[in-house]
Amino acid sequence: MSEHISAVIYYDGEVCDIENGIVFLSKNTTRLFFNQNIDLTELCKRIRRKIFGTTPMRDSSIKYRFCVSIVPMTYDSFDIKGGHSLEAMVQTYLASGSPYLELYVQFSLPNEAFATLTSIVDREEYTTPT
């Protein structure tokens, strides 16, 4: 039997490193439930659908926050970039006994990076030396 995971997804905010470790600052959150055997591609797809519906967005980073010490309460985080880090996240969460895990997701429009690159190239193309 596979265990389901409850997650709080933070987005449109910032990740801060303070005295007690990592803090996700955001007024925008949503809850997501998923199977512990999910792959990263499917997790990203489900997060995007949950937050944006059918609007074409892409996640540019996912960060997992977890408690490393109870006294004093201290948090750390790591980026979810592939299967191994996703598996580490699931195992850390299951071992913690926490009721939910916390993820911070940063999004960008699908063509945002291309548009930035294009505008830089256009500027260079039309610049003439004086």
C-alpha atoms as a PDB file:
ATOM      1  CA  MET A   1       0.000   0.000   0.000  1.00  0.00           C
ATOM      2  CA  SER A   2       1.327   3.384  -0.970  1.00  0.00           C
ATOM      3  CA  GLU A   3       1.122   6.321   1.399  1.00  0.00           C
ATOM      4  CA  HIS A   4      -0.384   9.607   0.246  1.00  0.00           C
ATOM      5  CA  ILE A   5       1.459  12.828   0.947  1.00  0.00           C
ATOM      6  CA  SER A   6      -0.136  16.123   1.888  1.00  0.00           C
ATOM      7  CA  ALA A   7       1.779  19.196   0.719  1.00  0.00           C
ATOM      8  CA  VAL A   8       1.471  22.936   1.134  1.00  0.00           C
ATOM      9  CA  ILE A   9       2.693  24.701  -1.999  1.00  0.00           C
ATOM     10  CA  TYR A  10       3.955  28.290  -1.614  1.00  0.00           C
ATOM     11  CA  TYR A  11       4.373  30.488  -4.706  1.00  0.00           C
ATOM     12  CA  ASP A  12       4.653  34.170  -5.758  1.00  0.00           C
ATOM     13  CA  GLY A  13       6.711  35.066  -2.716  1.00  0.00           C
ATOM     14  CA  GLU A  14      10.281  34.582  -1.605  1.00  0.00           C
ATOM     15  CA  VAL A  15      12.576  32.174   0.197  1.00  0.00           C
ATOM     16  CA  CYS A  16      14.545  33.745   3.046  1.00  0.00           C
ATOM     17  CA  ASP A  17      17.439  32.425   5.109  1.00  0.00           C
ATOM     18  CA  ILE A  18      17.040  33.791   8.643  1.00  0.00           C
ATOM     19  CA  GLU A  19      18.507  32.934  12.061  1.00  0.00           C
ATOM     20  CA  ASN A  20      16.348  29.803  12.402  1.00  0.00           C
ATOM     21  CA  GLY A  21      16.982  28.656   8.851  1.00  0.00           C
ATOM     22  CA  ILE A  22      14.823  28.748   5.760  1.00  0.00           C
ATOM     23  CA  VAL A  23      11.422  30.489   5.689  1.00  0.00           C
ATOM     24  CA  PHE A  24       8.944  30.534   2.804  1.00  0.00           C
ATOM     25  CA  LEU A  25       7.243  33.946   2.674  1.00  0.00           C
ATOM     26  CA  SER A  26       4.121  34.000   0.549  1.00  0.00           C
ATOM     27  CA  LYS A  27       0.461  34.943   0.804  1.00  0.00           C
ATOM     28  CA  ASN A  28      -0.265  32.469  -1.988  1.00  0.00           C
ATOM     29  CA  THR A  29      -0.548  28.841  -0.952  1.00  0.00           C
ATOM     30  CA  THR A  30      -2.450  25.797  -2.049  1.00  0.00           C
ATOM     31  CA  ARG A  31      -2.779  22.220  -0.793  1.00  0.00           C
ATOM     32  CA  LEU A  32      -1.931  19.198  -2.901  1.00  0.00           C
ATOM     33  CA  PHE A  33      -2.195  15.475  -2.186  1.00  0.00           C
ATOM     34  CA  PHE A  34      -0.102  13.005  -4.157  1.00  0.00           C
ATOM     35  CA  ASN A  35       1.146   9.432  -4.050  1.00  0.00           C
ATOM     36  CA  GLN A  36       4.619   8.916  -2.554  1.00  0.00           C
ATOM     37  CA  ASN A  37       5.687   7.080  -5.739  1.00  0.00           C
ATOM     38  CA  ILE A  38       4.991  10.068  -8.033  1.00  0.00           C
ATOM     39  CA  ASP A  39       7.702  11.030 -10.510  1.00  0.00           C
ATOM     40  CA  LEU A  40       8.990  14.596 -10.803  1.00  0.00           C
ATOM     41  CA  THR A  41       7.375  15.281 -14.185  1.00  0.00           C
ATOM     42  CA  GLU A  42       3.938  14.293 -12.894  1.00  0.00           C
ATOM     43  CA  LEU A  43       4.407  16.256  -9.649  1.00  0.00           C
ATOM     44  CA  CYS A  44       5.300  19.405 -11.616  1.00  0.00           C
ATOM     45  CA  LYS A  45       2.303  18.917 -13.911  1.00  0.00           C
ATOM     46  CA  ARG A  46      -0.082  18.487 -10.966  1.00  0.00           C
ATOM     47  CA  ILE A  47       1.291  21.575  -9.195  1.00  0.00           C
ATOM     48  CA  ARG A  48       0.878  23.715 -12.343  1.00  0.00           C
ATOM     49  CA  ARG A  49      -2.680  22.445 -12.927  1.00  0.00           C
ATOM     50  CA  LYS A  50      -3.627  23.026  -9.293  1.00  0.00           C
ATOM     51  CA  ILE A  51      -2.425  26.644  -9.313  1.00  0.00           C
ATOM     52  CA  PHE A  52      -2.950  27.825 -12.898  1.00  0.00           C
ATOM     53  CA  GLY A  53      -5.466  25.425 -14.432  1.00  0.00           C
ATOM     54  CA  THR A  54      -4.867  25.427 -18.174  1.00  0.00           C
ATOM     55  CA  THR A  55      -2.722  28.609 -18.311  1.00  0.00           C
ATOM     56  CA  PRO A  56       0.621  27.641 -19.863  1.00  0.00           C
ATOM     57  CA  MET A  57       3.215  28.119 -17.121  1.00  0.00           C
ATOM     58  CA  ARG A  58       6.363  26.231 -16.295  1.00  0.00           C
ATOM     59  CA  ASP A  59       8.030  25.728 -12.947  1.00  0.00           C
ATOM     60  CA  SER A  60      11.574  26.995 -12.870  1.00  0.00           C
ATOM     61  CA  SER A  61      12.420  25.683  -9.412  1.00  0.00           C
ATOM     62  CA  ILE A  62      10.976  23.608  -6.579  1.00  0.00           C
ATOM     63  CA  LYS A  63      12.438  23.846  -3.082  1.00  0.00           C
ATOM     64  CA  TYR A  64      11.580  21.521  -0.174  1.00  0.00           C
ATOM     65  CA  ARG A  65      11.701  22.878   3.402  1.00  0.00           C
ATOM     66  CA  PHE A  66      12.117  20.512   6.360  1.00  0.00           C
ATOM     67  CA  CYS A  67      12.743  20.728  10.102  1.00  0.00           C
ATOM     68  CA  VAL A  68      16.301  19.834  11.162  1.00  0.00           C
ATOM     69  CA  SER A  69      16.020  20.681  14.872  1.00  0.00           C
ATOM     70  CA  ILE A  70      13.130  21.055  17.280  1.00  0.00           C
ATOM     71  CA  VAL A  71      15.009  22.949  20.012  1.00  0.00           C
ATOM     72  CA  PRO A  72      15.485  25.570  18.695  1.00  0.00           C
ATOM     73  CA  MET A  73      13.094  25.074  15.772  1.00  0.00           C
ATOM     74  CA  THR A  74      15.401  25.233  12.739  1.00  0.00           C
ATOM     75  CA  TYR A  75      14.668  24.576   9.067  1.00  0.00           C
ATOM     76  CA  ASP A  76      16.766  23.735   6.035  1.00  0.00           C
ATOM     77  CA  SER A  77      15.883  23.160   2.394  1.00  0.00           C
ATOM     78  CA  PHE A  78      17.082  21.626  -0.828  1.00  0.00           C
ATOM     79  CA  ASP A  79      16.125  21.932  -4.482  1.00  0.00           C
ATOM     80  CA  ILE A  80      14.111  19.168  -6.144  1.00  0.00           C
ATOM     81  CA  LYS A  81      15.897  18.719  -9.459  1.00  0.00           C
ATOM     82  CA  GLY A  82      15.522  15.042 -10.283  1.00  0.00           C
ATOM     83  CA  GLY A  83      14.443  11.616  -9.163  1.00  0.00           C
ATOM     84  CA  HIS A  84      17.045  11.269  -6.413  1.00  0.00           C
ATOM     85  CA  SER A  85      16.192  14.569  -4.733  1.00  0.00           C
ATOM     86  CA  LEU A  86      12.463  13.796  -5.044  1.00  0.00           C
ATOM     87  CA  GLU A  87      13.048  10.422  -3.372  1.00  0.00           C
ATOM     88  CA  ALA A  88      15.124  12.109  -0.627  1.00  0.00           C
ATOM     89  CA  MET A  89      12.262  14.562  -0.058  1.00  0.00           C
ATOM     90  CA  VAL A  90       9.717  11.747   0.303  1.00  0.00           C
ATOM     91  CA  GLN A  91      11.945   9.750   2.659  1.00  0.00           C
ATOM     92  CA  THR A  92      12.743  12.827   4.800  1.00  0.00           C
ATOM     93  CA  TYR A  93       9.047  13.688   5.006  1.00  0.00           C
ATOM     94  CA  LEU A  94       7.990  10.133   5.939  1.00  0.00           C
ATOM     95  CA  ALA A  95      10.706   9.880   8.607  1.00  0.00           C
ATOM     96  CA  SER A  96       9.731  13.244  10.127  1.00  0.00           C
ATOM     97  CA  GLY A  97       6.154  12.307  10.997  1.00  0.00           C
ATOM     98  CA  SER A  98       5.074  15.786   9.908  1.00  0.00           C
ATOM     99  CA  PRO A  99       1.403  16.126   8.865  1.00  0.00           C
ATOM    100  CA  TYR A 100       2.417  17.832   5.585  1.00  0.00           C
ATOM    101  CA  LEU A 101       5.468  18.833   3.604  1.00  0.00           C
ATOM    102  CA  GLU A 102       6.273  22.346   2.403  1.00  0.00           C
ATOM    103  CA  LEU A 103       7.320  23.238  -1.124  1.00  0.00           C
ATOM    104  CA  TYR A 104       8.163  26.609  -2.648  1.00  0.00           C
ATOM    105  CA  VAL A 105       7.640  26.720  -6.402  1.00  0.00           C
ATOM    106  CA  GLN A 106       8.819  29.496  -8.670  1.00  0.00           C
ATOM    107  CA  PHE A 107       7.081  29.798 -12.051  1.00  0.00           C
ATOM    108  CA  SER A 108       7.786  31.513 -15.334  1.00  0.00           C
ATOM    109  CA  LEU A 109       5.920  31.860 -18.597  1.00  0.00           C
ATOM    110  CA  PRO A 110       6.970  29.237 -21.170  1.00  0.00           C
ATOM    111  CA  ASN A 111       8.559  31.805 -23.526  1.00  0.00           C
ATOM    112  CA  GLU A 112       9.859  34.216 -20.855  1.00  0.00           C
ATOM    113  CA  ALA A 113      13.496  33.097 -21.140  1.00  0.00           C
ATOM    114  CA  PHE A 114      13.306  33.160 -24.953  1.00  0.00           C
ATOM    115  CA  ALA A 115      11.746  36.664 -24.944  1.00  0.00           C
ATOM    116  CA  THR A 116      14.540  37.990 -22.710  1.00  0.00           C
ATOM    117  CA  LEU A 117      17.177  36.422 -24.939  1.00  0.00           C
ATOM    118  CA  THR A 118      15.489  37.791 -28.070  1.00  0.00           C
ATOM    119  CA  SER A 119      15.306  41.337 -26.711  1.00  0.00           C
ATOM    120  CA  ILE A 120      19.015  41.244 -25.846  1.00  0.00           C
ATOM    121  CA  VAL A 121      19.891  39.972 -29.317  1.00  0.00           C
ATOM    122  CA  ASP A 122      17.657  42.623 -30.944  1.00  0.00           C
ATOM    123  CA  ARG A 123      19.396  45.389 -29.001  1.00  0.00           C
ATOM    124  CA  GLU A 124      22.820  44.135 -30.039  1.00  0.00           C
ATOM    125  CA  GLU A 125      21.687  43.718 -33.652  1.00  0.00           C
ATOM    126  CA  TYR A 126      20.545  47.339 -33.986  1.00  0.00           C
ATOM    127  CA  THR A 127      23.385  48.976 -32.061  1.00  0.00           C
ATOM    128  CA  THR A 128      25.925  50.750 -34.241  1.00  0.00           C
ATOM    129  CA  PRO A 129      29.343  51.849 -33.001  1.00  0.00           C
ATOM    130  CA  THR A 130      29.865  55.605 -32.761  1.00  0.00           C
END
